[in-house]
Amino acid sequence: EREVIDVWQRKTQIFSAVTQNKYKTINANINDQIETSLKDRNFLLQKSRVRREKGRQIGCRLPVEQKHNPELFDDSDFYTQLLRQLVTTTTADTDDPMAMSRAYLKQKEAQVKVRKNVDRKASKCRRIRYHVHEKLVNFMAPVMGEEGEEG
């Protein structure tokens, strides 16, 4: 497992602009980062079981006054960190005009791909909709003569 993670980390670092600064923690080996994060497991569990919300807890009849609850899992710290990383990566290299223009073009290209090809004038009966009935293609009604006979 660790070898696979290392291979993919190296592949992503090749194409990443983050590799320019060698002194950042993010450029460290991914397995080392995981090990340092999980070094104090009890602290991590205790931190994730803290009740930060006020009010009544769903499923409890009485308001819970205890701060640490083993049945609770609060991952707001994790999502806050992910959001912070997302914001920093999307706003990285804002000084470089070429990087900004590339990011802008990439966003515009993604928007064009998402847009559906919808006929905007077809609503409110502004355009006639018709479907070809294959059995009626090249059908000709009988021509009646003067006296009502086919002819």
Protein backbone atom coordinates (compact mmCIF):
# COMPACT_ATOMS: atom_id res chain seq x y z
CA GLU A 1 0.00 0.00 0.00
CA ARG A 2 2.73 2.45 0.93
CA GLU A 3 4.59 1.86 -2.32
CA VAL A 4 1.46 2.62 -4.34
CA ILE A 5 0.88 5.81 -2.36
CA ASP A 6 4.50 6.87 -2.90
CA VAL A 7 4.29 6.23 -6.65
CA TRP A 8 1.15 8.31 -7.05
CA GLN A 9 2.54 11.09 -4.88
CA ARG A 10 5.63 11.31 -7.09
CA LYS A 11 3.45 11.37 -10.21
CA THR A 12 1.31 14.19 -8.88
CA GLN A 13 4.32 16.18 -7.72
CA ILE A 14 5.75 16.13 -11.22
CA PHE A 15 2.71 17.97 -12.58
CA SER A 16 2.14 20.14 -9.54
CA ALA A 17 3.27 23.73 -9.18
CA VAL A 18 3.72 23.14 -5.46
CA THR A 19 7.06 21.40 -5.99
CA GLN A 20 8.82 24.70 -6.65
CA ASN A 21 9.17 25.39 -2.94
CA LYS A 22 11.15 22.48 -1.49
CA TYR A 23 10.82 23.63 2.13
CA LYS A 24 7.08 23.21 2.44
CA THR A 25 5.64 20.40 4.53
CA ILE A 26 3.38 19.38 1.68
CA ASN A 27 6.44 18.33 -0.31
CA ALA A 28 7.42 15.79 2.33
CA ASN A 29 6.79 12.12 1.71
CA ILE A 30 3.07 11.35 1.99
CA ASN A 31 3.67 8.37 4.26
CA ASP A 32 5.69 10.56 6.62
CA GLN A 33 2.86 13.08 6.67
CA ILE A 34 0.37 10.34 7.56
CA GLU A 35 2.63 9.00 10.30
CA THR A 36 3.10 12.43 11.88
CA SER A 37 -0.64 13.08 11.73
CA LEU A 38 -1.46 9.78 13.42
CA LYS A 39 1.37 9.95 15.96
CA ASP A 40 -0.88 10.93 18.87
CA ARG A 41 -4.01 8.88 18.16
CA ASN A 42 -5.62 9.53 21.56
CA PHE A 43 -5.35 13.29 21.05
CA LEU A 44 -6.97 13.01 17.61
CA LEU A 45 -9.85 10.93 18.95
CA GLN A 46 -10.35 13.24 21.89
CA LYS A 47 -10.32 16.28 19.60
CA SER A 48 -12.92 14.75 17.27
CA ARG A 49 -15.28 13.85 20.14
CA VAL A 50 -15.67 17.37 21.48
CA ARG A 51 -19.19 18.77 21.40
CA ARG A 52 -18.98 22.27 19.92
CA GLU A 53 -22.61 22.81 19.02
CA LYS A 54 -25.04 24.24 21.53
CA GLY A 55 -28.56 23.01 21.89
CA ARG A 56 -30.17 19.63 22.13
CA GLN A 57 -28.46 16.62 20.67
CA ILE A 58 -30.64 14.53 18.36
CA GLY A 59 -31.56 11.25 19.99
CA CYS A 60 -31.09 12.51 23.57
CA ARG A 61 -34.03 13.56 25.69
CA LEU A 62 -32.02 15.70 28.08
CA PRO A 63 -29.44 18.30 27.09
CA VAL A 64 -25.98 16.79 27.36
CA GLU A 65 -23.61 18.78 29.56
CA GLN A 66 -20.50 16.63 29.11
CA LYS A 67 -17.90 18.04 26.75
CA HIS A 68 -16.36 14.75 25.52
CA ASN A 69 -18.78 12.17 24.18
CA PRO A 70 -17.49 8.83 22.83
CA GLU A 71 -20.64 8.47 20.68
CA LEU A 72 -20.04 11.80 18.96
CA PHE A 73 -17.76 12.43 15.99
CA ASP A 74 -17.15 16.02 14.91
CA ASP A 75 -15.04 16.30 11.76
CA SER A 76 -15.44 20.05 11.27
CA ASP A 77 -11.69 20.55 11.85
CA PHE A 78 -10.95 18.17 8.99
CA TYR A 79 -13.35 19.90 6.59
CA THR A 80 -12.09 23.33 7.65
CA GLN A 81 -8.56 22.24 6.78
CA LEU A 82 -9.72 20.84 3.42
CA LEU A 83 -11.53 24.08 2.64
CA ARG A 84 -8.45 26.10 3.58
CA GLN A 85 -6.30 23.95 1.28
CA LEU A 86 -8.81 24.34 -1.55
CA VAL A 87 -8.82 28.12 -1.20
CA THR A 88 -5.03 28.33 -1.09
CA THR A 89 -4.57 26.07 -4.11
CA THR A 90 -7.14 27.90 -6.22
CA THR A 91 -5.70 31.30 -5.34
CA ALA A 92 -2.06 30.23 -5.64
CA ASP A 93 0.15 32.04 -8.17
CA THR A 94 -2.14 35.05 -8.42
CA ASP A 95 0.92 37.24 -9.08
CA ASP A 96 1.76 35.38 -12.27
CA PRO A 97 -0.43 36.70 -15.11
CA MET A 98 0.19 33.63 -17.27
CA ALA A 99 -1.00 31.31 -14.50
CA MET A 100 -4.07 33.49 -13.97
CA SER A 101 -4.95 33.42 -17.66
CA ARG A 102 -4.44 29.65 -17.82
CA ALA A 103 -6.70 29.17 -14.80
CA TYR A 104 -9.32 31.47 -16.35
CA LEU A 105 -9.27 29.59 -19.65
CA LYS A 106 -9.51 26.28 -17.82
CA GLN A 107 -12.57 27.52 -15.92
CA LYS A 108 -14.23 28.80 -19.09
CA GLU A 109 -13.56 25.48 -20.84
CA ALA A 110 -15.15 23.61 -17.95
CA GLN A 111 -18.21 25.89 -18.10
CA VAL A 112 -18.62 25.29 -21.83
CA LYS A 113 -18.48 21.53 -21.29
CA VAL A 114 -21.14 21.70 -18.58
CA ARG A 115 -23.64 23.74 -20.64
CA LYS A 116 -26.33 21.57 -22.18
CA ASN A 117 -27.45 22.02 -25.76
CA VAL A 118 -31.05 23.10 -25.15
CA ASP A 119 -33.31 24.85 -27.63
CA ARG A 120 -34.24 28.00 -25.72
CA LYS A 121 -37.05 29.01 -28.13
CA ALA A 122 -38.90 25.71 -27.84
CA SER A 123 -40.72 26.71 -24.66
CA LYS A 124 -44.05 28.55 -24.59
CA CYS A 125 -45.04 27.11 -27.99
CA ARG A 126 -42.74 29.44 -29.90
CA ARG A 127 -41.52 26.63 -32.09
CA ILE A 128 -43.51 23.86 -33.76
CA ARG A 129 -42.52 20.40 -32.65
CA TYR A 130 -43.08 17.60 -35.08
CA HIS A 131 -41.98 13.99 -35.21
CA VAL A 132 -41.60 12.05 -38.44
CA HIS A 133 -43.81 8.97 -38.53
CA GLU A 134 -41.83 6.42 -40.54
CA LYS A 135 -44.89 4.54 -41.80
CA LEU A 136 -46.32 7.72 -43.32
CA VAL A 137 -43.20 8.76 -45.21
CA ASN A 138 -43.90 8.74 -48.99
CA PHE A 139 -47.55 7.93 -48.36
CA MET A 140 -49.93 9.31 -50.92
CA ALA A 141 -53.65 9.56 -50.44
CA PRO A 142 -55.75 8.10 -53.24
CA VAL A 143 -56.67 10.58 -55.97
CA MET A 144 -60.40 10.70 -56.57
CA GLY A 145 -61.78 11.21 -60.03
CA GLU A 146 -64.67 13.42 -61.02
CA GLU A 147 -67.26 10.86 -60.17
CA GLY A 148 -65.74 9.84 -56.84
CA GLU A 149 -63.86 6.89 -58.22
CA GLU A 150 -60.19 6.23 -57.71
CA GLY A 151 -58.36 6.95 -60.76
